[in-house]
Amino acid sequence: MQPAHDYVMRQPEAFRAVLMHCMATIEAVIPTVELRYRYAIPFYYYHDKPFCYLNASHKKGYVDLGFYRGFQLKTHQEFLVGANRTMVKSLQFTTVDTLDQRVFEAVLLEAKTLYE
């Protein structure tokens, strides 16, 4: 098992479900991304450049989907969190049920355009 998948499988069930859903969505929407294990978390690369990462924040109770070029994103700003960060903005998910799939996919597709 690759380290990124091992990271996901070691998480408590609530986090694991969100992480697995996020990974499946990212890989379905952008099939050419490459999953790596960087900075002790699952990190996706697109065109061999850092694209987004997944981090289970146990203390804060959510999964952080951080976009490496997040401050260049224009749409869905009301859902993106960028406080105390210089480059990254993220979507934060507590459960799969509260995740807005439409916003998630739209942000992924916009982020992809930053690399083309």
PDB file of N, CA and C in Angstrom:
ATOM      1  N   MET A   1       0.861  -1.184   0.000  1.00  0.00           N
ATOM      2  CA  MET A   1       0.000   0.000   0.000  1.00  0.00           C
ATOM      3  C   MET A   1       0.897   1.233   0.000  1.00  0.00           C
ATOM      4  N   GLN A   2       0.579   2.207  -0.854  1.00  0.00           N
ATOM      5  CA  GLN A   2       1.412   3.404  -0.881  1.00  0.00           C
ATOM      6  C   GLN A   2       1.134   4.266   0.347  1.00  0.00           C
ATOM      7  N   PRO A   3       2.107   5.063   0.779  1.00  0.00           N
ATOM      8  CA  PRO A   3       1.974   5.829   2.024  1.00  0.00           C
ATOM      9  C   PRO A   3       0.744   6.740   2.082  1.00  0.00           C
ATOM     10  N   ALA A   4       0.346   7.346   0.969  1.00  0.00           N
ATOM     11  CA  ALA A   4      -0.828   8.222   0.976  1.00  0.00           C
ATOM     12  C   ALA A   4      -2.089   7.426   1.329  1.00  0.00           C
ATOM     13  N   HIS A   5      -2.209   6.232   0.798  1.00  0.00           N
ATOM     14  CA  HIS A   5      -3.370   5.390   1.107  1.00  0.00           C
ATOM     15  C   HIS A   5      -3.288   4.885   2.542  1.00  0.00           C
ATOM     16  N   ASP A   6      -2.097   4.597   3.006  1.00  0.00           N
ATOM     17  CA  ASP A   6      -1.908   4.170   4.385  1.00  0.00           C
ATOM     18  C   ASP A   6      -2.346   5.277   5.343  1.00  0.00           C
ATOM     19  N   TYR A   7      -2.011   6.520   5.019  1.00  0.00           N
ATOM     20  CA  TYR A   7      -2.433   7.680   5.815  1.00  0.00           C
ATOM     21  C   TYR A   7      -3.957   7.683   5.960  1.00  0.00           C
ATOM     22  N   VAL A   8      -4.652   7.503   4.859  1.00  0.00           N
ATOM     23  CA  VAL A   8      -6.120   7.516   4.860  1.00  0.00           C
ATOM     24  C   VAL A   8      -6.662   6.369   5.707  1.00  0.00           C
ATOM     25  N   MET A   9      -6.126   5.185   5.541  1.00  0.00           N
ATOM     26  CA  MET A   9      -6.640   4.014   6.250  1.00  0.00           C
ATOM     27  C   MET A   9      -6.386   4.085   7.757  1.00  0.00           C
ATOM     28  N   ARG A  10      -5.418   4.850   8.194  1.00  0.00           N
ATOM     29  CA  ARG A  10      -5.129   5.006   9.625  1.00  0.00           C
ATOM     30  C   ARG A  10      -6.056   6.009  10.316  1.00  0.00           C
ATOM     31  N   GLN A  11      -6.844   6.741   9.553  1.00  0.00           N
ATOM     32  CA  GLN A  11      -7.709   7.774  10.128  1.00  0.00           C
ATOM     33  C   GLN A  11      -8.966   7.165  10.752  1.00  0.00           C
ATOM     34  N   PRO A  12      -9.536   7.847  11.758  1.00  0.00           N
ATOM     35  CA  PRO A  12     -10.830   7.402  12.291  1.00  0.00           C
ATOM     36  C   PRO A  12     -11.880   7.404  11.168  1.00  0.00           C
ATOM     37  N   GLU A  13     -12.905   6.596  11.309  1.00  0.00           N
ATOM     38  CA  GLU A  13     -13.896   6.382  10.245  1.00  0.00           C
ATOM     39  C   GLU A  13     -14.461   7.676   9.658  1.00  0.00           C
ATOM     40  N   ALA A  14     -14.835   8.632  10.487  1.00  0.00           N
ATOM     41  CA  ALA A  14     -15.446   9.868   9.974  1.00  0.00           C
ATOM     42  C   ALA A  14     -14.490  10.592   9.026  1.00  0.00           C
ATOM     43  N   PHE A  15     -13.229  10.686   9.401  1.00  0.00           N
ATOM     44  CA  PHE A  15     -12.234  11.338   8.542  1.00  0.00           C
ATOM     45  C   PHE A  15     -11.939  10.487   7.308  1.00  0.00           C
ATOM     46  N   ARG A  16     -11.845   9.194   7.514  1.00  0.00           N
ATOM     47  CA  ARG A  16     -11.535   8.279   6.412  1.00  0.00           C
ATOM     48  C   ARG A  16     -12.583   8.378   5.301  1.00  0.00           C
ATOM     49  N   ALA A  17     -13.856   8.441   5.681  1.00  0.00           N
ATOM     50  CA  ALA A  17     -14.929   8.537   4.686  1.00  0.00           C
ATOM     51  C   ALA A  17     -14.803   9.816   3.861  1.00  0.00           C
ATOM     52  N   VAL A  18     -14.526  10.922   4.515  1.00  0.00           N
ATOM     53  CA  VAL A  18     -14.369  12.203   3.803  1.00  0.00           C
ATOM     54  C   VAL A  18     -13.136  12.152   2.911  1.00  0.00           C
ATOM     55  N   LEU A  19     -12.028  11.655   3.427  1.00  0.00           N
ATOM     56  CA  LEU A  19     -10.796  11.564   2.640  1.00  0.00           C
ATOM     57  C   LEU A  19     -10.985  10.696   1.404  1.00  0.00           C
ATOM     58  N   MET A  20     -11.637   9.553   1.576  1.00  0.00           N
ATOM     59  CA  MET A  20     -11.847   8.650   0.437  1.00  0.00           C
ATOM     60  C   MET A  20     -12.764   9.282  -0.606  1.00  0.00           C
ATOM     61  N   HIS A  21     -13.786   9.976  -0.155  1.00  0.00           N
ATOM     62  CA  HIS A  21     -14.686  10.657  -1.087  1.00  0.00           C
ATOM     63  C   HIS A  21     -13.929  11.755  -1.847  1.00  0.00           C
ATOM     64  N   CYS A  22     -13.134  12.521  -1.132  1.00  0.00           N
ATOM     65  CA  CYS A  22     -12.351  13.588  -1.775  1.00  0.00           C
ATOM     66  C   CYS A  22     -11.380  13.010  -2.801  1.00  0.00           C
ATOM     67  N   MET A  23     -10.693  11.962  -2.442  1.00  0.00           N
ATOM     68  CA  MET A  23      -9.734  11.344  -3.361  1.00  0.00           C
ATOM     69  C   MET A  23     -10.432  10.823  -4.610  1.00  0.00           C
ATOM     70  N   ALA A  24     -11.567  10.163  -4.426  1.00  0.00           N
ATOM     71  CA  ALA A  24     -12.312   9.633  -5.572  1.00  0.00           C
ATOM     72  C   ALA A  24     -12.784  10.768  -6.476  1.00  0.00           C
ATOM     73  N   THR A  25     -13.242  11.855  -5.890  1.00  0.00           N
ATOM     74  CA  THR A  25     -13.713  12.995  -6.676  1.00  0.00           C
ATOM     75  C   THR A  25     -12.567  13.648  -7.431  1.00  0.00           C
ATOM     76  N   ILE A  26     -11.464  13.894  -6.754  1.00  0.00           N
ATOM     77  CA  ILE A  26     -10.307  14.528  -7.402  1.00  0.00           C
ATOM     78  C   ILE A  26      -9.848  13.688  -8.591  1.00  0.00           C
ATOM     79  N   GLU A  27      -9.733  12.385  -8.387  1.00  0.00           N
ATOM     80  CA  GLU A  27      -9.234  11.500  -9.446  1.00  0.00           C
ATOM     81  C   GLU A  27     -10.245  11.324 -10.575  1.00  0.00           C
ATOM     82  N   ALA A  28     -11.537  11.491 -10.296  1.00  0.00           N
ATOM     83  CA  ALA A  28     -12.557  11.395 -11.347  1.00  0.00           C
ATOM     84  C   ALA A  28     -12.621  12.682 -12.168  1.00  0.00           C
ATOM     85  N   VAL A  29     -12.530  13.820 -11.494  1.00  0.00           N
ATOM     86  CA  VAL A  29     -12.638  15.113 -12.175  1.00  0.00           C
ATOM     87  C   VAL A  29     -11.363  15.443 -12.945  1.00  0.00           C
ATOM     88  N   ILE A  30     -10.222  15.074 -12.387  1.00  0.00           N
ATOM     89  CA  ILE A  30      -8.928  15.348 -13.030  1.00  0.00           C
ATOM     90  C   ILE A  30      -8.121  14.048 -13.050  1.00  0.00           C
ATOM     91  N   PRO A  31      -8.402  13.167 -13.997  1.00  0.00           N
ATOM     92  CA  PRO A  31      -7.790  11.837 -14.006  1.00  0.00           C
ATOM     93  C   PRO A  31      -6.271  11.828 -14.157  1.00  0.00           C
ATOM     94  N   THR A  32      -5.701  12.913 -14.614  1.00  0.00           N
ATOM     95  CA  THR A  32      -4.247  12.936 -14.834  1.00  0.00           C
ATOM     96  C   THR A  32      -3.449  13.403 -13.612  1.00  0.00           C
ATOM     97  N   VAL A  33      -4.124  13.666 -12.486  1.00  0.00           N
ATOM     98  CA  VAL A  33      -3.373  14.036 -11.286  1.00  0.00           C
ATOM     99  C   VAL A  33      -2.572  12.838 -10.795  1.00  0.00           C
ATOM    100  N   GLU A  34      -1.513  13.130 -10.069  1.00  0.00           N
ATOM    101  CA  GLU A  34      -0.674  12.069  -9.506  1.00  0.00           C
ATOM    102  C   GLU A  34      -0.669  12.198  -7.989  1.00  0.00           C
ATOM    103  N   LEU A  35      -1.061  11.130  -7.304  1.00  0.00           N
ATOM    104  CA  LEU A  35      -1.080  11.117  -5.847  1.00  0.00           C
ATOM    105  C   LEU A  35       0.310  10.782  -5.327  1.00  0.00           C
ATOM    106  N   ARG A  36       0.804  11.642  -4.455  1.00  0.00           N
ATOM    107  CA  ARG A  36       2.087  11.420  -3.787  1.00  0.00           C
ATOM    108  C   ARG A  36       1.886  11.588  -2.290  1.00  0.00           C
ATOM    109  N   TYR A  37       2.907  11.230  -1.550  1.00  0.00           N
ATOM    110  CA  TYR A  37       2.877  11.413  -0.106  1.00  0.00           C
ATOM    111  C   TYR A  37       3.981  12.400   0.230  1.00  0.00           C
ATOM    112  N   ARG A  38       3.592  13.645   0.489  1.00  0.00           N
ATOM    113  CA  ARG A  38       4.545  14.710   0.781  1.00  0.00           C
ATOM    114  C   ARG A  38       4.129  15.406   2.069  1.00  0.00           C
ATOM    115  N   TYR A  39       5.105  15.828   2.842  1.00  0.00           N
ATOM    116  CA  TYR A  39       4.846  16.563   4.077  1.00  0.00           C
ATOM    117  C   TYR A  39       3.944  15.759   5.025  1.00  0.00           C
ATOM    118  N   ALA A  40       4.034  14.436   4.949  1.00  0.00           N
ATOM    119  CA  ALA A  40       3.304  13.492   5.804  1.00  0.00           C
ATOM    120  C   ALA A  40       1.795  13.488   5.561  1.00  0.00           C
ATOM    121  N   ILE A  41       1.359  13.931   4.368  1.00  0.00           N
ATOM    122  CA  ILE A  41      -0.055  13.911   3.993  1.00  0.00           C
ATOM    123  C   ILE A  41      -0.191  13.555   2.509  1.00  0.00           C
ATOM    124  N   PRO A  42      -1.399  13.131   2.075  1.00  0.00           N
ATOM    125  CA  PRO A  42      -1.632  12.898   0.643  1.00  0.00           C
ATOM    126  C   PRO A  42      -1.592  14.229  -0.114  1.00  0.00           C
ATOM    127  N   PHE A  43      -0.804  14.275  -1.161  1.00  0.00           N
ATOM    128  CA  PHE A  43      -0.613  15.502  -1.926  1.00  0.00           C
ATOM    129  C   PHE A  43      -0.749  15.161  -3.400  1.00  0.00           C
ATOM    130  N   TYR A  44      -1.621  15.876  -4.090  1.00  0.00           N
ATOM    131  CA  TYR A  44      -1.804  15.661  -5.518  1.00  0.00           C
ATOM    132  C   TYR A  44      -0.955  16.638  -6.317  1.00  0.00           C
ATOM    133  N   TYR A  45      -0.377  16.106  -7.395  1.00  0.00           N
ATOM    134  CA  TYR A  45       0.414  16.913  -8.327  1.00  0.00           C
ATOM    135  C   TYR A  45      -0.265  16.872  -9.692  1.00  0.00           C
ATOM    136  N   TYR A  46      -0.221  18.013 -10.367  1.00  0.00           N
ATOM    137  CA  TYR A  46      -0.783  18.108 -11.713  1.00  0.00           C
ATOM    138  C   TYR A  46       0.296  18.710 -12.608  1.00  0.00           C
ATOM    139  N   HIS A  47       0.581  18.053 -13.693  1.00  0.00           N
ATOM    140  CA  HIS A  47       1.700  18.447 -14.573  1.00  0.00           C
ATOM    141  C   HIS A  47       2.995  18.572 -13.767  1.00  0.00           C
ATOM    142  N   ASP A  48       3.167  17.645 -12.829  1.00  0.00           N
ATOM    143  CA  ASP A  48       4.358  17.562 -11.982  1.00  0.00           C
ATOM    144  C   ASP A  48       4.549  18.780 -11.068  1.00  0.00           C
ATOM    145  N   LYS A  49       3.446  19.493 -10.794  1.00  0.00           N
ATOM    146  CA  LYS A  49       3.494  20.651  -9.895  1.00  0.00           C
ATOM    147  C   LYS A  49       2.489  20.428  -8.764  1.00  0.00           C
ATOM    148  N   PRO A  50       2.790  20.928  -7.555  1.00  0.00           N
ATOM    149  CA  PRO A  50       1.855  20.767  -6.438  1.00  0.00           C
ATOM    150  C   PRO A  50       0.487  21.354  -6.778  1.00  0.00           C
ATOM    151  N   PHE A  51      -0.566  20.568  -6.578  1.00  0.00           N
ATOM    152  CA  PHE A  51      -1.919  20.990  -6.934  1.00  0.00           C
ATOM    153  C   PHE A  51      -2.799  21.171  -5.691  1.00  0.00           C
ATOM    154  N   CYS A  52      -2.991  20.091  -4.940  1.00  0.00           N
ATOM    155  CA  CYS A  52      -3.799  20.178  -3.723  1.00  0.00           C
ATOM    156  C   CYS A  52      -3.393  19.076  -2.751  1.00  0.00           C
ATOM    157  N   TYR A  53      -3.771  19.259  -1.503  1.00  0.00           N
ATOM    158  CA  TYR A  53      -3.457  18.254  -0.482  1.00  0.00           C
ATOM    159  C   TYR A  53      -4.680  17.977   0.370  1.00  0.00           C
ATOM    160  N   LEU A  54      -4.625  16.867   1.084  1.00  0.00           N
ATOM    161  CA  LEU A  54      -5.678  16.484   2.021  1.00  0.00           C
ATOM    162  C   LEU A  54      -5.062  16.297   3.402  1.00  0.00           C
ATOM    163  N   ASN A  55      -5.657  16.926   4.395  1.00  0.00           N
ATOM    164  CA  ASN A  55      -5.140  16.817   5.749  1.00  0.00           C
ATOM    165  C   ASN A  55      -6.296  16.636   6.724  1.00  0.00           C
ATOM    166  N   ALA A  56      -6.265  15.574   7.498  1.00  0.00           N
ATOM    167  CA  ALA A  56      -7.276  15.342   8.529  1.00  0.00           C
ATOM    168  C   ALA A  56      -6.868  16.099   9.783  1.00  0.00           C
ATOM    169  N   SER A  57      -7.603  17.139  10.110  1.00  0.00           N
ATOM    170  CA  SER A  57      -7.313  17.944  11.292  1.00  0.00           C
ATOM    171  C   SER A  57      -8.177  17.436  12.447  1.00  0.00           C
ATOM    172  N   HIS A  58      -7.620  16.552  13.242  1.00  0.00           N
ATOM    173  CA  HIS A  58      -8.374  15.931  14.330  1.00  0.00           C
ATOM    174  C   HIS A  58      -8.798  16.949  15.380  1.00  0.00           C
ATOM    175  N   LYS A  59      -7.903  17.864  15.716  1.00  0.00           N
ATOM    176  CA  LYS A  59      -8.224  18.855  16.747  1.00  0.00           C
ATOM    177  C   LYS A  59      -9.354  19.777  16.318  1.00  0.00           C
ATOM    178  N   LYS A  60      -9.388  20.132  15.037  1.00  0.00           N
ATOM    179  CA  LYS A  60     -10.405  21.062  14.548  1.00  0.00           C
ATOM    180  C   LYS A  60     -11.643  20.346  14.008  1.00  0.00           C
ATOM    181  N   GLY A  61     -11.547  19.036  13.772  1.00  0.00           N
ATOM    182  CA  GLY A  61     -12.700  18.237  13.407  1.00  0.00           C
ATOM    183  C   GLY A  61     -13.111  18.288  11.949  1.00  0.00           C
ATOM    184  N   TYR A  62     -12.169  18.540  11.060  1.00  0.00           N
ATOM    185  CA  TYR A  62     -12.510  18.563   9.635  1.00  0.00           C
ATOM    186  C   TYR A  62     -11.342  18.070   8.789  1.00  0.00           C
ATOM    187  N   VAL A  63     -11.669  17.777   7.527  1.00  0.00           N
ATOM    188  CA  VAL A  63     -10.647  17.472   6.529  1.00  0.00           C
ATOM    189  C   VAL A  63     -10.413  18.741   5.739  1.00  0.00           C
ATOM    190  N   ASP A  64      -9.163  19.117   5.637  1.00  0.00           N
ATOM    191  CA  ASP A  64      -8.756  20.323   4.925  1.00  0.00           C
ATOM    192  C   ASP A  64      -8.288  19.920   3.531  1.00  0.00           C
ATOM    193  N   LEU A  65      -8.962  20.429   2.506  1.00  0.00           N
ATOM    194  CA  LEU A  65      -8.545  20.217   1.121  1.00  0.00           C
ATOM    195  C   LEU A  65      -7.917  21.526   0.669  1.00  0.00           C
ATOM    196  N   GLY A  66      -6.594  21.580   0.737  1.00  0.00           N
ATOM    197  CA  GLY A  66      -5.873  22.808   0.432  1.00  0.00           C
ATOM    198  C   GLY A  66      -5.433  22.876  -1.015  1.00  0.00           C
ATOM    199  N   PHE A  67      -5.663  24.025  -1.631  1.00  0.00           N
ATOM    200  CA  PHE A  67      -5.246  24.254  -3.012  1.00  0.00           C
ATOM    201  C   PHE A  67      -3.984  25.100  -3.005  1.00  0.00           C
ATOM    202  N   TYR A  68      -2.936  24.561  -3.611  1.00  0.00           N
ATOM    203  CA  TYR A  68      -1.623  25.183  -3.584  1.00  0.00           C
ATOM    204  C   TYR A  68      -1.651  26.601  -4.146  1.00  0.00           C
ATOM    205  N   ARG A  69      -2.410  26.845  -5.185  1.00  0.00           N
ATOM    206  CA  ARG A  69      -2.546  28.187  -5.753  1.00  0.00           C
ATOM    207  C   ARG A  69      -3.913  28.780  -5.396  1.00  0.00           C
ATOM    208  N   GLY A  70      -4.351  28.519  -4.199  1.00  0.00           N
ATOM    209  CA  GLY A  70      -5.692  28.894  -3.772  1.00  0.00           C
ATOM    210  C   GLY A  70      -6.008  30.370  -3.844  1.00  0.00           C
ATOM    211  N   PHE A  71      -5.014  31.234  -3.627  1.00  0.00           N
ATOM    212  CA  PHE A  71      -5.277  32.668  -3.657  1.00  0.00           C
ATOM    213  C   PHE A  71      -5.474  33.187  -5.074  1.00  0.00           C
ATOM    214  N   GLN A  72      -5.251  32.356  -6.069  1.00  0.00           N
ATOM    215  CA  GLN A  72      -5.517  32.757  -7.446  1.00  0.00           C
ATOM    216  C   GLN A  72      -6.931  32.362  -7.884  1.00  0.00           C
ATOM    217  N   LEU A  73      -7.623  31.604  -7.069  1.00  0.00           N
ATOM    218  CA  LEU A  73      -8.990  31.191  -7.394  1.00  0.00           C
ATOM    219  C   LEU A  73      -9.940  32.376  -7.254  1.00  0.00           C
ATOM    220  N   LYS A  74     -10.908  32.457  -8.150  1.00  0.00           N
ATOM    221  CA  LYS A  74     -11.842  33.589  -8.168  1.00  0.00           C
ATOM    222  C   LYS A  74     -13.252  33.216  -7.711  1.00  0.00           C
ATOM    223  N   THR A  75     -13.729  32.039  -8.098  1.00  0.00           N
ATOM    224  CA  THR A  75     -15.111  31.676  -7.784  1.00  0.00           C
ATOM    225  C   THR A  75     -15.216  30.972  -6.431  1.00  0.00           C
ATOM    226  N   HIS A  76     -16.398  30.996  -5.889  1.00  0.00           N
ATOM    227  CA  HIS A  76     -16.735  30.322  -4.622  1.00  0.00           C
ATOM    228  C   HIS A  76     -15.847  30.770  -3.464  1.00  0.00           C
ATOM    229  N   GLN A  77     -15.504  32.034  -3.439  1.00  0.00           N
ATOM    230  CA  GLN A  77     -14.684  32.573  -2.358  1.00  0.00           C
ATOM    231  C   GLN A  77     -15.343  32.405  -0.994  1.00  0.00           C
ATOM    232  N   GLU A  78     -16.675  32.380  -0.973  1.00  0.00           N
ATOM    233  CA  GLU A  78     -17.382  32.255   0.301  1.00  0.00           C
ATOM    234  C   GLU A  78     -17.158  30.894   0.962  1.00  0.00           C
ATOM    235  N   PHE A  79     -16.657  29.924   0.200  1.00  0.00           N
ATOM    236  CA  PHE A  79     -16.394  28.586   0.736  1.00  0.00           C
ATOM    237  C   PHE A  79     -14.911  28.337   1.007  1.00  0.00           C
ATOM    238  N   LEU A  80     -14.049  29.181   0.471  1.00  0.00           N
ATOM    239  CA  LEU A  80     -12.603  28.974   0.592  1.00  0.00           C
ATOM    240  C   LEU A  80     -12.053  29.691   1.820  1.00  0.00           C
ATOM    241  N   VAL A  81     -11.220  28.983   2.568  1.00  0.00           N
ATOM    242  CA  VAL A  81     -10.632  29.519   3.794  1.00  0.00           C
ATOM    243  C   VAL A  81      -9.156  29.783   3.530  1.00  0.00           C
ATOM    244  N   GLY A  82      -8.722  31.015   3.817  1.00  0.00           N
ATOM    245  CA  GLY A  82      -7.328  31.351   3.567  1.00  0.00           C
ATOM    246  C   GLY A  82      -6.663  32.092   4.711  1.00  0.00           C
ATOM    247  N   ALA A  83      -7.307  32.178   5.851  1.00  0.00           N
ATOM    248  CA  ALA A  83      -6.776  32.924   6.987  1.00  0.00           C
ATOM    249  C   ALA A  83      -5.395  32.428   7.392  1.00  0.00           C
ATOM    250  N   ASN A  84      -4.493  33.361   7.626  1.00  0.00           N
ATOM    251  CA  ASN A  84      -3.121  33.089   8.089  1.00  0.00           C
ATOM    252  C   ASN A  84      -2.312  32.247   7.110  1.00  0.00           C
ATOM    253  N   ARG A  85      -2.606  32.350   5.823  1.00  0.00           N
ATOM    254  CA  ARG A  85      -1.866  31.616   4.800  1.00  0.00           C
ATOM    255  C   ARG A  85      -1.473  32.597   3.701  1.00  0.00           C
ATOM    256  N   THR A  86      -0.366  32.310   3.039  1.00  0.00           N
ATOM    257  CA  THR A  86       0.094  33.210   1.986  1.00  0.00           C
ATOM    258  C   THR A  86      -0.289  32.733   0.592  1.00  0.00           C
ATOM    259  N   MET A  87      -0.371  31.437   0.357  1.00  0.00           N
ATOM    260  CA  MET A  87      -0.676  30.913  -0.972  1.00  0.00           C
ATOM    261  C   MET A  87      -1.900  30.006  -1.002  1.00  0.00           C
ATOM    262  N   VAL A  88      -2.085  29.254   0.038  1.00  0.00           N
ATOM    263  CA  VAL A  88      -3.091  28.190   0.067  1.00  0.00           C
ATOM    264  C   VAL A  88      -4.440  28.724   0.540  1.00  0.00           C
ATOM    265  N   LYS A  89      -5.486  28.288  -0.155  1.00  0.00           N
ATOM    266  CA  LYS A  89      -6.853  28.418   0.337  1.00  0.00           C
ATOM    267  C   LYS A  89      -7.430  27.019   0.315  1.00  0.00           C
ATOM    268  N   SER A  90      -8.387  26.764   1.188  1.00  0.00           N
ATOM    269  CA  SER A  90      -8.885  25.396   1.271  1.00  0.00           C
ATOM    270  C   SER A  90     -10.390  25.330   1.457  1.00  0.00           C
ATOM    271  N   LEU A  91     -10.903  24.168   1.091  1.00  0.00           N
ATOM    272  CA  LEU A  91     -12.267  23.791   1.426  1.00  0.00           C
ATOM    273  C   LEU A  91     -12.153  22.895   2.654  1.00  0.00           C
ATOM    274  N   GLN A  92     -13.054  23.050   3.587  1.00  0.00           N
ATOM    275  CA  GLN A  92     -12.998  22.245   4.803  1.00  0.00           C
ATOM    276  C   GLN A  92     -14.300  21.467   4.945  1.00  0.00           C
ATOM    277  N   PHE A  93     -14.160  20.158   5.131  1.00  0.00           N
ATOM    278  CA  PHE A  93     -15.303  19.262   5.177  1.00  0.00           C
ATOM    279  C   PHE A  93     -15.333  18.506   6.502  1.00  0.00           C
ATOM    280  N   THR A  94     -16.506  18.497   7.147  1.00  0.00           N
ATOM    281  CA  THR A  94     -16.641  17.735   8.394  1.00  0.00           C
ATOM    282  C   THR A  94     -17.207  16.344   8.142  1.00  0.00           C
ATOM    283  N   THR A  95     -18.127  16.240   7.175  1.00  0.00           N
ATOM    284  CA  THR A  95     -18.700  14.939   6.806  1.00  0.00           C
ATOM    285  C   THR A  95     -18.971  14.930   5.299  1.00  0.00           C
ATOM    286  N   VAL A  96     -19.144  13.752   4.763  1.00  0.00           N
ATOM    287  CA  VAL A  96     -19.481  13.630   3.343  1.00  0.00           C
ATOM    288  C   VAL A  96     -20.858  14.241   3.093  1.00  0.00           C
ATOM    289  N   ASP A  97     -21.773  14.096   4.038  1.00  0.00           N
ATOM    290  CA  ASP A  97     -23.136  14.615   3.867  1.00  0.00           C
ATOM    291  C   ASP A  97     -23.192  16.138   3.786  1.00  0.00           C
ATOM    292  N   THR A  98     -22.288  16.822   4.444  1.00  0.00           N
ATOM    293  CA  THR A  98     -22.310  18.291   4.436  1.00  0.00           C
ATOM    294  C   THR A  98     -21.441  18.874   3.318  1.00  0.00           C
ATOM    295  N   LEU A  99     -20.773  18.040   2.592  1.00  0.00           N
ATOM    296  CA  LEU A  99     -19.897  18.461   1.499  1.00  0.00           C
ATOM    297  C   LEU A  99     -20.747  18.866   0.291  1.00  0.00           C
ATOM    298  N   ASP A 100     -20.521  20.053  -0.238  1.00  0.00           N
ATOM    299  CA  ASP A 100     -21.251  20.519  -1.421  1.00  0.00           C
ATOM    300  C   ASP A 100     -20.486  20.063  -2.657  1.00  0.00           C
ATOM    301  N   GLN A 101     -20.949  18.984  -3.258  1.00  0.00           N
ATOM    302  CA  GLN A 101     -20.250  18.367  -4.387  1.00  0.00           C
ATOM    303  C   GLN A 101     -20.118  19.323  -5.580  1.00  0.00           C
ATOM    304  N   ARG A 102     -21.138  20.123  -5.821  1.00  0.00           N
ATOM    305  CA  ARG A 102     -21.122  21.061  -6.941  1.00  0.00           C
ATOM    306  C   ARG A 102     -19.995  22.087  -6.766  1.00  0.00           C
ATOM    307  N   VAL A 103     -19.877  22.645  -5.573  1.00  0.00           N
ATOM    308  CA  VAL A 103     -18.816  23.611  -5.282  1.00  0.00           C
ATOM    309  C   VAL A 103     -17.451  22.933  -5.353  1.00  0.00           C
ATOM    310  N   PHE A 104     -17.348  21.756  -4.772  1.00  0.00           N
ATOM    311  CA  PHE A 104     -16.099  20.993  -4.762  1.00  0.00           C
ATOM    312  C   PHE A 104     -15.577  20.800  -6.187  1.00  0.00           C
ATOM    313  N   GLU A 105     -16.432  20.307  -7.069  1.00  0.00           N
ATOM    314  CA  GLU A 105     -16.008  20.042  -8.447  1.00  0.00           C
ATOM    315  C   GLU A 105     -15.704  21.332  -9.199  1.00  0.00           C
ATOM    316  N   ALA A 106     -16.474  22.379  -8.957  1.00  0.00           N
ATOM    317  CA  ALA A 106     -16.223  23.660  -9.631  1.00  0.00           C
ATOM    318  C   ALA A 106     -14.867  24.236  -9.222  1.00  0.00           C
ATOM    319  N   VAL A 107     -14.531  24.150  -7.947  1.00  0.00           N
ATOM    320  CA  VAL A 107     -13.241  24.651  -7.475  1.00  0.00           C
ATOM    321  C   VAL A 107     -12.102  23.815  -8.063  1.00  0.00           C
ATOM    322  N   LEU A 108     -12.278  22.506  -8.109  1.00  0.00           N
ATOM    323  CA  LEU A 108     -11.262  21.643  -8.725  1.00  0.00           C
ATOM    324  C   LEU A 108     -11.004  22.044 -10.181  1.00  0.00           C
ATOM    325  N   LEU A 109     -12.078  22.237 -10.929  1.00  0.00           N
ATOM    326  CA  LEU A 109     -11.928  22.578 -12.354  1.00  0.00           C
ATOM    327  C   LEU A 109     -11.298  23.951 -12.536  1.00  0.00           C
ATOM    328  N   GLU A 110     -11.646  24.904 -11.686  1.00  0.00           N
ATOM    329  CA  GLU A 110     -11.006  26.217 -11.790  1.00  0.00           C
ATOM    330  C   GLU A 110      -9.534  26.123 -11.423  1.00  0.00           C
ATOM    331  N   ALA A 111      -9.220  25.386 -10.377  1.00  0.00           N
ATOM    332  CA  ALA A 111      -7.821  25.238  -9.965  1.00  0.00           C
ATOM    333  C   ALA A 111      -6.995  24.587 -11.085  1.00  0.00           C
ATOM    334  N   LYS A 112      -7.594  23.657 -11.776  1.00  0.00           N
ATOM    335  CA  LYS A 112      -6.910  22.993 -12.896  1.00  0.00           C
ATOM    336  C   LYS A 112      -6.497  23.998 -13.964  1.00  0.00           C
ATOM    337  N   THR A 113      -7.353  25.003 -14.222  1.00  0.00           N
ATOM    338  CA  THR A 113      -7.037  25.986 -15.268  1.00  0.00           C
ATOM    339  C   THR A 113      -5.806  26.820 -14.926  1.00  0.00           C
ATOM    340  N   LEU A 114      -5.458  26.897 -13.661  1.00  0.00           N
ATOM    341  CA  LEU A 114      -4.277  27.674 -13.245  1.00  0.00           C
ATOM    342  C   LEU A 114      -2.969  26.986 -13.685  1.00  0.00           C
ATOM    343  N   TYR A 115      -3.062  25.739 -14.117  1.00  0.00           N
ATOM    344  CA  TYR A 115      -1.881  24.969 -14.490  1.00  0.00           C
ATOM    345  C   TYR A 115      -1.791  24.733 -15.997  1.00  0.00           C
ATOM    346  N   GLU A 116      -2.730  25.236 -16.763  1.00  0.00           N
ATOM    347  CA  GLU A 116      -2.755  24.962 -18.196  1.00  0.00           C
ATOM    348  C   GLU A 116      -2.215  26.118 -19.002  1.00  0.00           C
TER     349      GLU A 116
END
